[in-house]
PDB file of N, CA and C in Angstrom:
ATOM      1  N   MET A   1       2.808  -1.732  22.847  1.00  0.00           N
ATOM      2  CA  MET A   1       4.034  -2.341  22.394  1.00  0.00           C
ATOM      3  C   MET A   1       4.906  -2.661  23.597  1.00  0.00           C
ATOM      4  N   ASN A   2       5.594  -3.745  23.496  1.00  0.00           N
ATOM      5  CA  ASN A   2       6.500  -4.095  24.584  1.00  0.00           C
ATOM      6  C   ASN A   2       7.820  -3.347  24.428  1.00  0.00           C
ATOM      7  N   GLY A   3       8.768  -3.612  25.329  1.00  0.00           N
ATOM      8  CA  GLY A   3      10.043  -2.919  25.305  1.00  0.00           C
ATOM      9  C   GLY A   3      10.782  -3.102  23.997  1.00  0.00           C
ATOM     10  N   ASP A   4      10.795  -4.324  23.465  1.00  0.00           N
ATOM     11  CA  ASP A   4      11.477  -4.570  22.194  1.00  0.00           C
ATOM     12  C   ASP A   4      10.837  -3.767  21.074  1.00  0.00           C
ATOM     13  N   SER A   5       9.528  -3.712  21.055  1.00  0.00           N
ATOM     14  CA  SER A   5       8.824  -2.968  20.019  1.00  0.00           C
ATOM     15  C   SER A   5       9.092  -1.474  20.139  1.00  0.00           C
ATOM     16  N   SER A   6       9.188  -0.982  21.353  1.00  0.00           N
ATOM     17  CA  SER A   6       9.505   0.434  21.543  1.00  0.00           C
ATOM     18  C   SER A   6      10.906   0.733  21.028  1.00  0.00           C
ATOM     19  N   GLU A   7      11.803  -0.219  21.204  1.00  0.00           N
ATOM     20  CA  GLU A   7      13.160  -0.055  20.692  1.00  0.00           C
ATOM     21  C   GLU A   7      13.144   0.004  19.164  1.00  0.00           C
ATOM     22  N   VAL A   8      12.325  -0.858  18.546  1.00  0.00           N
ATOM     23  CA  VAL A   8      12.187  -0.848  17.097  1.00  0.00           C
ATOM     24  C   VAL A   8      11.635   0.497  16.637  1.00  0.00           C
ATOM     25  N   LEU A   9      10.662   1.027  17.351  1.00  0.00           N
ATOM     26  CA  LEU A   9      10.095   2.325  17.012  1.00  0.00           C
ATOM     27  C   LEU A   9      11.175   3.394  17.066  1.00  0.00           C
ATOM     28  N   GLY A  10      11.991   3.364  18.093  1.00  0.00           N
ATOM     29  CA  GLY A  10      13.078   4.321  18.202  1.00  0.00           C
ATOM     30  C   GLY A  10      14.040   4.223  17.024  1.00  0.00           C
ATOM     31  N   LEU A  11      14.333   2.999  16.613  1.00  0.00           N
ATOM     32  CA  LEU A  11      15.201   2.804  15.456  1.00  0.00           C
ATOM     33  C   LEU A  11      14.546   3.336  14.186  1.00  0.00           C
ATOM     34  N   LEU A  12      13.233   3.116  14.057  1.00  0.00           N
ATOM     35  CA  LEU A  12      12.520   3.642  12.895  1.00  0.00           C
ATOM     36  C   LEU A  12      12.636   5.157  12.823  1.00  0.00           C
ATOM     37  N   VAL A  13      12.379   5.798  13.924  1.00  0.00           N
ATOM     38  CA  VAL A  13      12.417   7.250  13.950  1.00  0.00           C
ATOM     39  C   VAL A  13      13.825   7.733  13.616  1.00  0.00           C
ATOM     40  N   ARG A  14      14.803   7.117  14.234  1.00  0.00           N
ATOM     41  CA  ARG A  14      16.171   7.568  14.004  1.00  0.00           C
ATOM     42  C   ARG A  14      16.655   7.223  12.604  1.00  0.00           C
ATOM     43  N   ASP A  15      16.532   5.974  12.241  1.00  0.00           N
ATOM     44  CA  ASP A  15      17.114   5.521  10.977  1.00  0.00           C
ATOM     45  C   ASP A  15      16.290   5.926   9.764  1.00  0.00           C
ATOM     46  N   ILE A  16      15.032   5.575   9.741  1.00  0.00           N
ATOM     47  CA  ILE A  16      14.197   5.894   8.592  1.00  0.00           C
ATOM     48  C   ILE A  16      13.863   7.377   8.576  1.00  0.00           C
ATOM     49  N   GLY A  17      13.361   7.864   9.700  1.00  0.00           N
ATOM     50  CA  GLY A  17      12.932   9.264   9.743  1.00  0.00           C
ATOM     51  C   GLY A  17      14.060  10.232   9.491  1.00  0.00           C
ATOM     52  N   ASP A  18      15.159  10.094  10.221  1.00  0.00           N
ATOM     53  CA  ASP A  18      16.274  11.018  10.066  1.00  0.00           C
ATOM     54  C   ASP A  18      16.889  10.915   8.679  1.00  0.00           C
ATOM     55  N   ALA A  19      17.088   9.686   8.206  1.00  0.00           N
ATOM     56  CA  ALA A  19      17.662   9.500   6.876  1.00  0.00           C
ATOM     57  C   ALA A  19      16.729  10.041   5.799  1.00  0.00           C
ATOM     58  N   GLY A  20      15.446   9.784   5.942  1.00  0.00           N
ATOM     59  CA  GLY A  20      14.481  10.251   4.955  1.00  0.00           C
ATOM     60  C   GLY A  20      14.377  11.763   4.924  1.00  0.00           C
ATOM     61  N   VAL A  21      14.349  12.383   6.095  1.00  0.00           N
ATOM     62  CA  VAL A  21      14.288  13.844   6.143  1.00  0.00           C
ATOM     63  C   VAL A  21      15.548  14.434   5.515  1.00  0.00           C
ATOM     64  N   ALA A  22      16.708  13.853   5.796  1.00  0.00           N
ATOM     65  CA  ALA A  22      17.959  14.327   5.194  1.00  0.00           C
ATOM     66  C   ALA A  22      17.949  14.125   3.683  1.00  0.00           C
ATOM     67  N   GLU A  23      17.436  12.997   3.226  1.00  0.00           N
ATOM     68  CA  GLU A  23      17.396  12.691   1.797  1.00  0.00           C
ATOM     69  C   GLU A  23      16.474  13.630   1.031  1.00  0.00           C
ATOM     70  N   MET A  24      15.479  14.175   1.692  1.00  0.00           N
ATOM     71  CA  MET A  24      14.524  15.077   1.037  1.00  0.00           C
ATOM     72  C   MET A  24      15.237  16.277   0.410  1.00  0.00           C
ATOM     73  N   ALA A  25      16.333  16.743   1.019  1.00  0.00           N
ATOM     74  CA  ALA A  25      17.045  17.918   0.511  1.00  0.00           C
ATOM     75  C   ALA A  25      17.552  17.704  -0.919  1.00  0.00           C
ATOM     76  N   GLY A  26      17.929  16.477  -1.251  1.00  0.00           N
ATOM     77  CA  GLY A  26      18.454  16.204  -2.582  1.00  0.00           C
ATOM     78  C   GLY A  26      17.504  15.457  -3.481  1.00  0.00           C
ATOM     79  N   SER A  27      16.302  15.229  -3.024  1.00  0.00           N
ATOM     80  CA  SER A  27      15.348  14.442  -3.802  1.00  0.00           C
ATOM     81  C   SER A  27      13.993  15.143  -3.852  1.00  0.00           C
ATOM     82  N   PRO A  28      13.780  15.961  -4.877  1.00  0.00           N
ATOM     83  CA  PRO A  28      12.499  16.672  -4.980  1.00  0.00           C
ATOM     84  C   PRO A  28      11.297  15.715  -5.015  1.00  0.00           C
ATOM     85  N   GLY A  29      11.466  14.537  -5.610  1.00  0.00           N
ATOM     86  CA  GLY A  29      10.362  13.574  -5.675  1.00  0.00           C
ATOM     87  C   GLY A  29       9.980  13.081  -4.293  1.00  0.00           C
ATOM     88  N   LEU A  30      10.978  12.755  -3.491  1.00  0.00           N
ATOM     89  CA  LEU A  30      10.694  12.312  -2.123  1.00  0.00           C
ATOM     90  C   LEU A  30      10.094  13.454  -1.318  1.00  0.00           C
ATOM     91  N   ALA A  31      10.641  14.654  -1.486  1.00  0.00           N
ATOM     92  CA  ALA A  31      10.120  15.809  -0.749  1.00  0.00           C
ATOM     93  C   ALA A  31       8.649  16.045  -1.099  1.00  0.00           C
ATOM     94  N   ALA A  32       8.305  15.912  -2.366  1.00  0.00           N
ATOM     95  CA  ALA A  32       6.908  16.102  -2.776  1.00  0.00           C
ATOM     96  C   ALA A  32       6.013  15.014  -2.205  1.00  0.00           C
ATOM     97  N   ALA A  33       6.487  13.771  -2.221  1.00  0.00           N
ATOM     98  CA  ALA A  33       5.697  12.667  -1.664  1.00  0.00           C
ATOM     99  C   ALA A  33       5.479  12.858  -0.166  1.00  0.00           C
ATOM    100  N   VAL A  34       6.545  13.254   0.543  1.00  0.00           N
ATOM    101  CA  VAL A  34       6.421  13.483   1.985  1.00  0.00           C
ATOM    102  C   VAL A  34       5.455  14.637   2.236  1.00  0.00           C
ATOM    103  N   ASP A  35       5.538  15.692   1.425  1.00  0.00           N
ATOM    104  CA  ASP A  35       4.639  16.834   1.585  1.00  0.00           C
ATOM    105  C   ASP A  35       3.180  16.408   1.443  1.00  0.00           C
ATOM    106  N   GLN A  36       2.904  15.534   0.496  1.00  0.00           N
ATOM    107  CA  GLN A  36       1.537  15.042   0.320  1.00  0.00           C
ATOM    108  C   GLN A  36       1.084  14.246   1.544  1.00  0.00           C
ATOM    109  N   HIS A  37       1.968  13.417   2.094  1.00  0.00           N
ATOM    110  CA  HIS A  37       1.626  12.644   3.286  1.00  0.00           C
ATOM    111  C   HIS A  37       1.420  13.564   4.485  1.00  0.00           C
ATOM    112  N   VAL A  38       2.260  14.598   4.603  1.00  0.00           N
ATOM    113  CA  VAL A  38       2.111  15.559   5.706  1.00  0.00           C
ATOM    114  C   VAL A  38       0.738  16.215   5.630  1.00  0.00           C
ATOM    115  N   ALA A  39       0.333  16.638   4.435  1.00  0.00           N
ATOM    116  CA  ALA A  39      -0.982  17.274   4.270  1.00  0.00           C
ATOM    117  C   ALA A  39      -2.096  16.316   4.640  1.00  0.00           C
ATOM    118  N   THR A  40      -1.980  15.067   4.213  1.00  0.00           N
ATOM    119  CA  THR A  40      -2.993  14.060   4.551  1.00  0.00           C
ATOM    120  C   THR A  40      -3.042  13.821   6.051  1.00  0.00           C
ATOM    121  N   LEU A  41      -1.879  13.704   6.672  1.00  0.00           N
ATOM    122  CA  LEU A  41      -1.843  13.490   8.126  1.00  0.00           C
ATOM    123  C   LEU A  41      -2.474  14.662   8.864  1.00  0.00           C
ATOM    124  N   ARG A  42      -2.192  15.870   8.428  1.00  0.00           N
ATOM    125  CA  ARG A  42      -2.791  17.044   9.081  1.00  0.00           C
ATOM    126  C   ARG A  42      -4.304  17.033   8.931  1.00  0.00           C
ATOM    127  N   ASP A  43      -4.791  16.624   7.753  1.00  0.00           N
ATOM    128  CA  ASP A  43      -6.235  16.520   7.544  1.00  0.00           C
ATOM    129  C   ASP A  43      -6.844  15.437   8.436  1.00  0.00           C
ATOM    130  N   GLU A  44      -6.166  14.286   8.515  1.00  0.00           N
ATOM    131  CA  GLU A  44      -6.691  13.151   9.286  1.00  0.00           C
ATOM    132  C   GLU A  44      -6.585  13.357  10.785  1.00  0.00           C
ATOM    133  N   LEU A  45      -5.478  13.910  11.232  1.00  0.00           N
ATOM    134  CA  LEU A  45      -5.216  13.982  12.675  1.00  0.00           C
ATOM    135  C   LEU A  45      -5.527  15.340  13.288  1.00  0.00           C
ATOM    136  N   GLY A  46      -5.593  16.367  12.455  1.00  0.00           N
ATOM    137  CA  GLY A  46      -5.777  17.704  12.988  1.00  0.00           C
ATOM    138  C   GLY A  46      -4.507  18.198  13.655  1.00  0.00           C
ATOM    139  N   ALA A  47      -4.651  19.179  14.517  1.00  0.00           N
ATOM    140  CA  ALA A  47      -3.506  19.735  15.237  1.00  0.00           C
ATOM    141  C   ALA A  47      -3.222  18.850  16.443  1.00  0.00           C
ATOM    142  N   VAL A  48      -2.176  18.051  16.337  1.00  0.00           N
ATOM    143  CA  VAL A  48      -1.814  17.144  17.420  1.00  0.00           C
ATOM    144  C   VAL A  48      -0.393  17.435  17.869  1.00  0.00           C
ATOM    145  N   GLY A  49      -0.109  17.031  19.087  1.00  0.00           N
ATOM    146  CA  GLY A  49       1.216  17.233  19.651  1.00  0.00           C
ATOM    147  C   GLY A  49       2.126  16.038  19.409  1.00  0.00           C
ATOM    148  N   GLN A  50       3.314  16.130  19.953  1.00  0.00           N
ATOM    149  CA  GLN A  50       4.309  15.074  19.748  1.00  0.00           C
ATOM    150  C   GLN A  50       3.875  13.737  20.332  1.00  0.00           C
ATOM    151  N   ASP A  51       3.207  13.750  21.460  1.00  0.00           N
ATOM    152  CA  ASP A  51       2.753  12.483  22.054  1.00  0.00           C
ATOM    153  C   ASP A  51       1.777  11.762  21.129  1.00  0.00           C
ATOM    154  N   GLU A  52       0.853  12.524  20.555  1.00  0.00           N
ATOM    155  CA  GLU A  52      -0.119  11.909  19.635  1.00  0.00           C
ATOM    156  C   GLU A  52       0.566  11.422  18.366  1.00  0.00           C
ATOM    157  N   LEU A  53       1.525  12.196  17.858  1.00  0.00           N
ATOM    158  CA  LEU A  53       2.263  11.767  16.669  1.00  0.00           C
ATOM    159  C   LEU A  53       3.078  10.505  16.938  1.00  0.00           C
ATOM    160  N   MET A  54       3.704  10.430  18.100  1.00  0.00           N
ATOM    161  CA  MET A  54       4.467   9.226  18.440  1.00  0.00           C
ATOM    162  C   MET A  54       3.523   8.030  18.584  1.00  0.00           C
ATOM    163  N   GLY A  55       2.347   8.252  19.138  1.00  0.00           N
ATOM    164  CA  GLY A  55       1.355   7.186  19.234  1.00  0.00           C
ATOM    165  C   GLY A  55       0.914   6.717  17.862  1.00  0.00           C
ATOM    166  N   TYR A  56       0.671   7.661  16.964  1.00  0.00           N
ATOM    167  CA  TYR A  56       0.301   7.315  15.595  1.00  0.00           C
ATOM    168  C   TYR A  56       1.425   6.526  14.941  1.00  0.00           C
ATOM    169  N   LEU A  57       2.662   6.991  15.092  1.00  0.00           N
ATOM    170  CA  LEU A  57       3.811   6.315  14.485  1.00  0.00           C
ATOM    171  C   LEU A  57       3.964   4.902  15.030  1.00  0.00           C
ATOM    172  N   ARG A  58       3.803   4.753  16.322  1.00  0.00           N
ATOM    173  CA  ARG A  58       3.906   3.429  16.947  1.00  0.00           C
ATOM    174  C   ARG A  58       2.846   2.487  16.376  1.00  0.00           C
ATOM    175  N   ASP A  59       1.608   2.948  16.337  1.00  0.00           N
ATOM    176  CA  ASP A  59       0.522   2.107  15.809  1.00  0.00           C
ATOM    177  C   ASP A  59       0.717   1.792  14.326  1.00  0.00           C
ATOM    178  N   PHE A  60       1.131   2.799  13.564  1.00  0.00           N
ATOM    179  CA  PHE A  60       1.343   2.614  12.129  1.00  0.00           C
ATOM    180  C   PHE A  60       2.446   1.585  11.890  1.00  0.00           C
ATOM    181  N   ALA A  61       3.562   1.745  12.598  1.00  0.00           N
ATOM    182  CA  ALA A  61       4.696   0.827  12.423  1.00  0.00           C
ATOM    183  C   ALA A  61       4.311  -0.591  12.840  1.00  0.00           C
ATOM    184  N   GLU A  62       3.610  -0.718  13.947  1.00  0.00           N
ATOM    185  CA  GLU A  62       3.207  -2.039  14.415  1.00  0.00           C
ATOM    186  C   GLU A  62       2.311  -2.729  13.384  1.00  0.00           C
ATOM    187  N   GLU A  63       1.369  -1.980  12.830  1.00  0.00           N
ATOM    188  CA  GLU A  63       0.478  -2.546  11.815  1.00  0.00           C
ATOM    189  C   GLU A  63       1.270  -2.949  10.564  1.00  0.00           C
ATOM    190  N   ALA A  64       2.196  -2.096  10.158  1.00  0.00           N
ATOM    191  CA  ALA A  64       3.005  -2.396   8.968  1.00  0.00           C
ATOM    192  C   ALA A  64       3.850  -3.650   9.191  1.00  0.00           C
ATOM    193  N   PHE A  65       4.464  -3.762  10.355  1.00  0.00           N
ATOM    194  CA  PHE A  65       5.270  -4.949  10.661  1.00  0.00           C
ATOM    195  C   PHE A  65       4.403  -6.194  10.676  1.00  0.00           C
ATOM    196  N   ASN A  66       3.205  -6.082  11.252  1.00  0.00           N
ATOM    197  CA  ASN A  66       2.297  -7.226  11.304  1.00  0.00           C
ATOM    198  C   ASN A  66       1.855  -7.684   9.919  1.00  0.00           C
ATOM    199  N   ARG A  67       1.855  -6.772   8.955  1.00  0.00           N
ATOM    200  CA  ARG A  67       1.532  -7.121   7.568  1.00  0.00           C
ATOM    201  C   ARG A  67       2.742  -7.690   6.836  1.00  0.00           C
ATOM    202  N   GLY A  68       3.891  -7.680   7.494  1.00  0.00           N
ATOM    203  CA  GLY A  68       5.093  -8.214   6.878  1.00  0.00           C
ATOM    204  C   GLY A  68       5.990  -7.168   6.232  1.00  0.00           C
ATOM    205  N   TRP A  69       5.662  -5.893   6.399  1.00  0.00           N
ATOM    206  CA  TRP A  69       6.504  -4.843   5.825  1.00  0.00           C
ATOM    207  C   TRP A  69       7.787  -4.720   6.611  1.00  0.00           C
ATOM    208  N   TRP A  70       8.857  -4.450   5.906  1.00  0.00           N
ATOM    209  CA  TRP A  70      10.128  -4.125   6.542  1.00  0.00           C
ATOM    210  C   TRP A  70      10.806  -3.065   5.691  1.00  0.00           C
ATOM    211  N   PRO A  71      11.468  -2.101   6.313  1.00  0.00           N
ATOM    212  CA  PRO A  71      12.105  -1.024   5.542  1.00  0.00           C
ATOM    213  C   PRO A  71      13.093  -1.583   4.519  1.00  0.00           C
ATOM    214  N   GLY A  72      12.988  -1.121   3.320  1.00  0.00           N
ATOM    215  CA  GLY A  72      13.905  -1.550   2.289  1.00  0.00           C
ATOM    216  C   GLY A  72      13.895  -0.614   1.107  1.00  0.00           C
ATOM    217  N   ASP A  73      12.736  -0.113   0.766  1.00  0.00           N
ATOM    218  CA  ASP A  73      12.593   0.760  -0.390  1.00  0.00           C
ATOM    219  C   ASP A  73      12.273   2.160   0.109  1.00  0.00           C
ATOM    220  N   THR A  74      13.140   3.117  -0.238  1.00  0.00           N
ATOM    221  CA  THR A  74      12.922   4.485   0.249  1.00  0.00           C
ATOM    222  C   THR A  74      11.792   5.197  -0.487  1.00  0.00           C
ATOM    223  N   ARG A  75      11.116   4.486  -1.362  1.00  0.00           N
ATOM    224  CA  ARG A  75       9.994   5.111  -2.055  1.00  0.00           C
ATOM    225  C   ARG A  75       8.669   4.399  -1.769  1.00  0.00           C
ATOM    226  N   ASP A  76       8.692   3.377  -0.929  1.00  0.00           N
ATOM    227  CA  ASP A  76       7.412   2.714  -0.681  1.00  0.00           C
ATOM    228  C   ASP A  76       6.545   3.572   0.241  1.00  0.00           C
ATOM    229  N   TRP A  77       5.262   3.278   0.209  1.00  0.00           N
ATOM    230  CA  TRP A  77       4.272   4.090   0.903  1.00  0.00           C
ATOM    231  C   TRP A  77       4.570   4.192   2.400  1.00  0.00           C
ATOM    232  N   GLU A  78       4.919   3.076   3.009  1.00  0.00           N
ATOM    233  CA  GLU A  78       5.170   3.051   4.458  1.00  0.00           C
ATOM    234  C   GLU A  78       6.379   3.918   4.815  1.00  0.00           C
ATOM    235  N   PHE A  79       7.436   3.798   4.026  1.00  0.00           N
ATOM    236  CA  PHE A  79       8.631   4.606   4.277  1.00  0.00           C
ATOM    237  C   PHE A  79       8.285   6.091   4.234  1.00  0.00           C
ATOM    238  N   VAL A  80       7.582   6.492   3.187  1.00  0.00           N
ATOM    239  CA  VAL A  80       7.239   7.906   3.024  1.00  0.00           C
ATOM    240  C   VAL A  80       6.337   8.378   4.165  1.00  0.00           C
ATOM    241  N   ARG A  81       5.402   7.519   4.607  1.00  0.00           N
ATOM    242  CA  ARG A  81       4.512   7.908   5.712  1.00  0.00           C
ATOM    243  C   ARG A  81       5.322   8.101   6.997  1.00  0.00           C
ATOM    244  N   ILE A  82       6.267   7.207   7.262  1.00  0.00           N
ATOM    245  CA  ILE A  82       7.095   7.332   8.464  1.00  0.00           C
ATOM    246  C   ILE A  82       7.918   8.612   8.409  1.00  0.00           C
ATOM    247  N   VAL A  83       8.502   8.917   7.249  1.00  0.00           N
ATOM    248  CA  VAL A  83       9.272  10.156   7.104  1.00  0.00           C
ATOM    249  C   VAL A  83       8.358  11.364   7.325  1.00  0.00           C
ATOM    250  N   ALA A  84       7.140  11.310   6.814  1.00  0.00           N
ATOM    251  CA  ALA A  84       6.200  12.424   6.996  1.00  0.00           C
ATOM    252  C   ALA A  84       5.891  12.643   8.479  1.00  0.00           C
ATOM    253  N   VAL A  85       5.670  11.570   9.219  1.00  0.00           N
ATOM    254  CA  VAL A  85       5.401  11.715  10.655  1.00  0.00           C
ATOM    255  C   VAL A  85       6.633  12.295  11.348  1.00  0.00           C
ATOM    256  N   CYS A  86       7.811  11.825  10.975  1.00  0.00           N
ATOM    257  CA  CYS A  86       9.031  12.355  11.578  1.00  0.00           C
ATOM    258  C   CYS A  86       9.231  13.829  11.225  1.00  0.00           C
ATOM    259  N   TRP A  87       8.848  14.203  10.012  1.00  0.00           N
ATOM    260  CA  TRP A  87       8.906  15.610   9.614  1.00  0.00           C
ATOM    261  C   TRP A  87       7.988  16.442  10.511  1.00  0.00           C
ATOM    262  N   LEU A  88       6.782  15.939  10.734  1.00  0.00           N
ATOM    263  CA  LEU A  88       5.848  16.642  11.613  1.00  0.00           C
ATOM    264  C   LEU A  88       6.386  16.729  13.049  1.00  0.00           C
ATOM    265  N   LEU A  89       7.043  15.666  13.501  1.00  0.00           N
ATOM    266  CA  LEU A  89       7.610  15.681  14.846  1.00  0.00           C
ATOM    267  C   LEU A  89       8.677  16.773  14.991  1.00  0.00           C
ATOM    268  N   ARG A  90       9.342  17.089  13.913  1.00  0.00           N
ATOM    269  CA  ARG A  90      10.382  18.124  13.937  1.00  0.00           C
ATOM    270  C   ARG A  90       9.825  19.525  13.754  1.00  0.00           C
ATOM    271  N   SER A  91       8.610  19.603  13.247  1.00  0.00           N
ATOM    272  CA  SER A  91       8.023  20.913  12.919  1.00  0.00           C
ATOM    273  C   SER A  91       7.502  21.595  14.176  1.00  0.00           C
ATOM    274  N   PRO A  92       7.811  22.872  14.316  1.00  0.00           N
ATOM    275  CA  PRO A  92       7.250  23.593  15.455  1.00  0.00           C
ATOM    276  C   PRO A  92       5.754  23.807  15.264  1.00  0.00           C
ATOM    277  N   GLY A  93       5.030  23.640  16.350  1.00  0.00           N
ATOM    278  CA  GLY A  93       3.603  23.891  16.385  1.00  0.00           C
ATOM    279  C   GLY A  93       2.881  23.179  15.312  1.00  0.00           C
TER     280      GLY A  93
END
């Protein structure tokens, strides 16, 4: 990703990830959906560190943007996946 794309990734993490993680406290449905994505990511990626998670997030976001996705619905699959990755980024070990 170029510099502009890295900036977009940073905005995704801050805006979508932070907002989504905060919203989970008041939304059991979102929390459950994120939990399912977290479990899937752990199965798919194994025990990975923050660098690998950021790489996954960058690739995932780039692919989603290339398909024409843009954040808008806090319940769409891409939004929930991004929140799940951000949740993992915040989780110790």
